[in-house]
Amino acid sequence: NNMKVDIFTLCDNAQEYGGKLIIIGTFNSIYANKFPTLHPEFALVARVVFDESEKGIHNIEFDIKKEDEDVYILPHGEMTADTTKTKGKDSIINVVVKGNNIPIKSAGTYVVTLKVDDKIWKSNLHVVEVKDMK
């Protein structure tokens, strides 16, 4: 299978307009001066491209979980993408999952996971305590 992920990132905000993605403020670290903290807003964004041999229903799963604990910033979520009616060679699925006022209990490394059918992409999110932050 020739599916690929062109974009996989965390950002401050994202919108989709007419198949185009607008991504604002990508990041892989969150800084806070105390915990627990509330992170005001973020989006997990992925742009998944399926080729014409992969028309059909695809399962997409995602979460953000602490590396070594059963602690989630973004709970496990699932969606399906239907590429059966897409015109042209490639089917592009834009995934935008938003979170607001997300409680983060502690600093550490969290793993952002995207699973499309049976393939998995992972990225680290570093949550850092900074004492002298204004």
Foldseek 3Di string as FASTA:
>chain_A
DPKDKPDWFKAQDWDADPNDIDGHGTDQEAEDQDPFFWDFKMKTKIKMKDFQVPAAKKKKWKFKAAPPDRDTQGDIDIDIDGRNPPDDGMDIDMDIDMDGRGTDGDFHKIWIWMAIRHDIDIDIRGYYHDNPDD
